[in-house]
Amino acid sequence: MDLDGETIASLPAQLGVYHVADADGTVLSVGYAGATHLFGIRSALEEELAFHGSRATKFRFEFTSNYRSRWDELLMLHLHDFGQLPSHQQAEQSRVGRLSPD
């Protein structure tokens, strides 16, 4: 989906996880909308848009009440697929487990 204010505003205020990417599909962030996000995924995506600016153009999401464990799974998958996490999430790399889905 396109990441813009209109699309974000159309989403329900629910908890979940997401990927934010640039126009080429490179993942810029793997994130979650948790209990501290007043309007759920809308608030989290607004923060991502403010952080990444015009580089962030696409996103995908899943609504889930198990956002922390699902976030960890997505981080592990990203680490497996790309060998490292997005640059601003490098601190999470030592915390997450290793996955071997192959």
Protein backbone atom coordinates (compact mmCIF):
# COMPACT_ATOMS: atom_id res chain seq x y z
CA MET A 1 0.00 0.00 0.00
CA ASP A 2 1.09 3.58 -0.49
CA LEU A 3 2.33 5.23 2.68
CA ASP A 4 0.72 8.65 2.90
CA GLY A 5 -1.46 10.58 5.31
CA GLU A 6 -4.70 9.72 3.55
CA THR A 7 -4.02 5.98 3.60
CA ILE A 8 -2.90 6.07 7.23
CA ALA A 9 -6.05 7.97 8.24
CA SER A 10 -8.20 5.31 6.58
CA LEU A 11 -6.81 2.52 8.79
CA PRO A 12 -8.56 1.43 11.98
CA ALA A 13 -6.87 2.22 15.29
CA GLN A 14 -5.75 -1.35 16.01
CA LEU A 15 -2.62 -3.06 17.29
CA GLY A 16 -0.36 -4.86 14.87
CA VAL A 17 2.92 -5.13 13.01
CA TYR A 18 4.17 -3.62 9.78
CA HIS A 19 6.99 -3.18 7.27
CA VAL A 20 7.83 0.23 5.80
CA ALA A 21 9.70 0.29 2.49
CA ASP A 22 11.05 2.69 -0.10
CA ALA A 23 9.92 2.89 -3.73
CA ASP A 24 12.29 0.04 -4.69
CA GLY A 25 10.85 -2.25 -2.02
CA THR A 26 13.84 -2.03 0.32
CA VAL A 27 12.59 -2.45 3.87
CA LEU A 28 13.36 0.63 5.94
CA SER A 29 11.69 -0.51 9.14
CA VAL A 30 10.05 -3.53 10.74
CA GLY A 31 7.80 -2.22 13.45
CA TYR A 32 4.82 -2.71 15.70
CA ALA A 33 1.92 -0.67 16.97
CA GLY A 34 1.49 -1.49 20.62
CA ALA A 35 -0.33 -0.34 23.71
CA THR A 36 1.66 2.91 23.87
CA HIS A 37 0.43 4.01 20.43
CA LEU A 38 -2.72 6.01 21.14
CA PHE A 39 -4.28 5.29 17.75
CA GLY A 40 -2.62 1.94 17.13
CA ILE A 41 -1.15 1.33 13.71
CA ARG A 42 -2.13 4.82 12.55
CA SER A 43 0.07 6.44 15.22
CA ALA A 44 2.97 4.07 14.55
CA LEU A 45 2.90 4.66 10.80
CA GLU A 46 2.72 8.44 11.29
CA GLU A 47 5.90 8.15 13.41
CA GLU A 48 7.58 6.09 10.68
CA LEU A 49 6.61 8.65 8.05
CA ALA A 50 8.05 11.45 10.18
CA PHE A 51 11.26 9.45 10.82
CA HIS A 52 11.94 8.32 7.24
CA GLY A 53 10.42 11.27 5.40
CA SER A 54 9.90 10.98 1.66
CA ARG A 55 12.01 7.79 1.45
CA ALA A 56 9.14 5.81 2.99
CA THR A 57 6.57 5.24 0.25
CA LYS A 58 5.12 1.75 0.84
CA PHE A 59 3.96 -0.38 3.74
CA ARG A 60 2.24 -3.63 4.61
CA PHE A 61 0.64 -4.56 7.90
CA GLU A 62 -1.03 -7.27 9.97
CA PHE A 63 -3.44 -6.64 12.81
CA THR A 64 -2.66 -8.82 15.82
CA SER A 65 -2.96 -8.61 19.59
CA ASN A 66 0.30 -10.60 19.81
CA TYR A 67 2.27 -7.74 18.27
CA ARG A 68 5.44 -8.19 20.33
CA SER A 69 5.95 -11.87 19.51
CA ARG A 70 4.94 -11.33 15.87
CA TRP A 71 7.36 -8.37 15.67
CA ASP A 72 10.15 -10.63 16.92
CA GLU A 73 9.23 -13.22 14.27
CA LEU A 74 9.34 -10.58 11.53
CA LEU A 75 12.70 -9.31 12.77
CA MET A 76 14.06 -12.87 12.72
CA LEU A 77 12.75 -13.41 9.19
CA HIS A 78 14.29 -10.14 8.02
CA LEU A 79 17.60 -11.07 9.63
CA HIS A 80 17.51 -14.48 7.94
CA ASP A 81 16.61 -13.05 4.53
CA PHE A 82 18.95 -10.05 4.48
CA GLY A 83 21.70 -10.85 7.00
CA GLN A 84 21.05 -7.72 9.06
CA LEU A 85 18.23 -5.56 10.33
CA PRO A 86 17.42 -2.11 8.97
CA SER A 87 20.13 0.36 10.04
CA HIS A 88 18.20 2.13 12.80
CA GLN A 89 17.15 -1.23 14.29
CA GLN A 90 20.63 -2.76 14.60
CA ALA A 91 20.40 -2.71 18.42
CA GLU A 92 17.62 -5.32 18.24
CA GLN A 93 19.84 -7.78 16.36
CA SER A 94 21.52 -9.21 19.47
CA ARG A 95 18.15 -9.57 21.21
CA VAL A 96 16.22 -11.57 18.61
CA GLY A 97 16.68 -15.27 18.04
CA ARG A 98 17.85 -16.94 14.86
CA LEU A 99 15.45 -18.54 12.45
CA SER A 100 16.15 -21.23 9.86
CA PRO A 101 12.95 -21.55 7.82
CA ASP A 102 14.66 -23.33 4.91
